[in-house]
Amino acid sequence: MFDLQNQLKTKETEINLSSQVKKLNQELDEMMENDEELKILHENKLLSSTESQGKSSELNKLLVITEKDLQQKESKTNSVENMIKEKEYQFDELSQMIDASLKQLDWINIRRASEVNQTRWKLSPPSLPHVMLKEILKEKT
């Protein structure tokens, strides 16, 4: 009987051990799966980090290019603004020259008209303009 009990205990121990082995194997499998998942996540994270760094690098390059373009456009804008200021200055100068020229022409015309009138007065007797004025007034009425 003792032998049977020993055998029974041995069998129970074997079953317990077998059950424990199965549980441990399952836990090991789960741990290995988790480990695989962690490795995959880690790789994805590394890829993501690498992709992120690549995108960051690309964005930095685009930013540099955009800043250069902006600087060139600002430079062109400044050049155009300077040209506009120069043209406005030239226009003001020309405008002043034209005004001065017109004033000079006005004075020249006034002087000529005055000289013509003085010549008429010298050549014609003083009473003649009054006579002519009377005749003109008679014709109109």
Protein backbone atom coordinates (compact mmCIF):
# COMPACT_ATOMS: atom_id res chain seq x y z
CA MET A 1 0.00 0.00 0.00
CA PHE A 2 2.79 2.24 0.78
CA ASP A 3 4.04 1.74 -2.70
CA LEU A 4 0.67 2.68 -4.10
CA GLN A 5 0.57 5.83 -2.07
CA ASN A 6 4.03 6.68 -3.24
CA GLN A 7 3.03 6.09 -6.78
CA LEU A 8 -0.09 8.19 -6.30
CA LYS A 9 1.91 11.00 -4.76
CA THR A 10 4.43 10.75 -7.52
CA LYS A 11 1.66 10.89 -10.08
CA GLU A 12 0.12 13.89 -8.33
CA THR A 13 3.48 15.55 -8.21
CA GLU A 14 4.02 14.78 -11.87
CA ILE A 15 0.59 16.21 -12.70
CA ASN A 16 1.28 19.28 -10.58
CA LEU A 17 4.68 19.68 -12.13
CA SER A 18 3.25 19.14 -15.58
CA SER A 19 0.57 21.69 -14.87
CA GLN A 20 3.16 24.11 -13.54
CA VAL A 21 5.34 23.48 -16.59
CA LYS A 22 2.38 24.20 -18.85
CA LYS A 23 1.62 27.40 -16.95
CA LEU A 24 5.25 28.40 -17.01
CA ASN A 25 5.43 27.60 -20.73
CA GLN A 26 2.33 29.71 -21.33
CA GLU A 27 3.81 32.54 -19.29
CA LEU A 28 7.06 32.16 -21.18
CA ASP A 29 5.18 32.24 -24.49
CA GLU A 30 3.30 35.35 -23.39
CA MET A 31 6.52 36.95 -22.25
CA MET A 32 8.18 36.12 -25.56
CA GLU A 33 5.20 37.54 -27.43
CA ASN A 34 5.36 40.65 -25.28
CA ASP A 35 9.08 40.81 -25.91
CA GLU A 36 8.45 40.55 -29.67
CA GLU A 37 5.81 43.25 -29.46
CA LEU A 38 8.17 45.44 -27.48
CA LYS A 39 10.90 44.89 -30.06
CA ILE A 40 8.48 45.79 -32.85
CA LEU A 41 7.32 48.87 -30.97
CA HIS A 42 10.91 49.83 -30.30
CA GLU A 43 11.79 49.41 -33.98
CA ASN A 44 8.74 51.45 -34.95
CA LYS A 45 9.72 54.06 -32.45
CA LEU A 46 13.22 54.14 -33.90
CA LEU A 47 11.79 54.33 -37.40
CA SER A 48 9.39 56.97 -36.28
CA SER A 49 12.23 58.86 -34.66
CA THR A 50 14.36 58.49 -37.80
CA GLU A 51 11.45 59.53 -40.00
CA SER A 52 10.80 62.42 -37.67
CA GLN A 53 14.43 63.46 -37.85
CA GLY A 54 14.33 63.16 -41.64
CA LYS A 55 11.17 65.22 -41.83
CA SER A 56 12.65 67.73 -39.42
CA SER A 57 15.74 67.96 -41.61
CA GLU A 58 13.58 68.41 -44.71
CA LEU A 59 11.54 71.08 -42.95
CA ASN A 60 14.71 72.87 -41.90
CA LYS A 61 15.95 72.81 -45.50
CA LEU A 62 12.61 74.18 -46.69
CA LEU A 63 12.75 76.83 -44.00
CA VAL A 64 16.24 77.90 -45.10
CA ILE A 65 15.13 78.01 -48.75
CA THR A 66 12.02 79.98 -47.82
CA GLU A 67 14.06 82.44 -45.77
CA LYS A 68 16.48 82.93 -48.68
CA ASP A 69 13.55 83.52 -51.05
CA LEU A 70 12.05 85.97 -48.60
CA GLN A 71 15.35 87.83 -48.29
CA GLN A 72 15.66 88.01 -52.09
CA LYS A 73 12.09 89.30 -52.39
CA GLU A 74 12.72 91.86 -49.64
CA SER A 75 15.88 92.95 -51.45
CA LYS A 76 13.95 93.30 -54.72
CA THR A 77 11.20 95.17 -52.91
CA ASN A 78 13.75 97.53 -51.39
CA SER A 79 15.33 98.06 -54.81
CA VAL A 80 11.95 98.82 -56.34
CA GLU A 81 11.09 101.17 -53.47
CA ASN A 82 14.41 102.97 -53.97
CA MET A 83 13.74 103.23 -57.71
CA ILE A 84 10.27 104.62 -56.99
CA LYS A 85 11.73 107.21 -54.59
CA GLU A 86 14.33 108.18 -57.21
CA LYS A 87 11.63 108.52 -59.88
CA GLU A 88 9.47 110.59 -57.51
CA TYR A 89 12.45 112.84 -56.83
CA GLN A 90 13.13 113.16 -60.57
CA PHE A 91 9.44 113.86 -61.17
CA ASP A 92 9.48 116.60 -58.51
CA GLU A 93 12.58 118.13 -60.08
CA LEU A 94 11.03 118.01 -63.56
CA SER A 95 7.79 119.44 -62.21
CA GLN A 96 9.68 122.33 -60.61
CA MET A 97 11.62 122.90 -63.84
CA ILE A 98 8.39 122.92 -65.86
CA ASP A 99 6.75 125.33 -63.41
CA ALA A 100 9.79 127.61 -63.54
CA SER A 101 9.82 127.41 -67.33
CA LEU A 102 6.10 128.23 -67.54
CA LYS A 103 6.53 131.16 -65.17
CA GLN A 104 9.43 132.37 -67.26
CA LEU A 105 7.31 132.01 -70.42
CA ASP A 106 4.48 133.92 -68.72
CA TRP A 107 6.84 136.74 -67.86
CA ILE A 108 8.29 136.71 -71.36
CA ASN A 109 4.78 136.88 -72.85
CA ILE A 110 3.78 139.64 -70.44
CA ARG A 111 6.93 141.59 -71.29
CA ARG A 112 6.34 141.13 -75.05
CA ALA A 113 2.71 142.22 -74.73
CA SER A 114 3.82 145.23 -72.74
CA GLU A 115 6.45 146.11 -75.35
CA VAL A 116 3.87 145.74 -78.14
CA ASN A 117 1.43 148.01 -76.29
CA GLN A 118 4.15 150.57 -75.65
CA THR A 119 5.07 150.51 -79.33
CA ARG A 120 1.40 151.00 -80.32
CA TRP A 121 1.06 153.90 -77.96
CA LYS A 122 4.20 155.48 -79.35
CA LEU A 123 3.10 155.02 -82.96
CA SER A 124 -0.51 156.11 -82.65
CA PRO A 125 -1.79 159.41 -81.30
CA PRO A 126 -3.32 159.33 -77.83
CA SER A 127 -6.80 160.22 -79.02
CA LEU A 128 -6.97 157.45 -81.57
CA PRO A 129 -7.71 154.64 -79.14
CA HIS A 130 -10.68 156.58 -77.77
CA VAL A 131 -12.03 157.15 -81.24
CA MET A 132 -11.62 153.50 -82.14
CA LEU A 133 -13.32 152.50 -78.90
CA LYS A 134 -16.30 154.74 -79.66
CA GLU A 135 -16.63 153.24 -83.15
CA ILE A 136 -16.48 149.70 -81.80
CA LEU A 137 -19.16 150.52 -79.23
CA LYS A 138 -21.39 152.06 -81.91
CA GLU A 139 -21.07 148.96 -84.10
CA LYS A 140 -22.08 146.66 -81.28
CA THR A 141 -25.19 148.69 -80.39
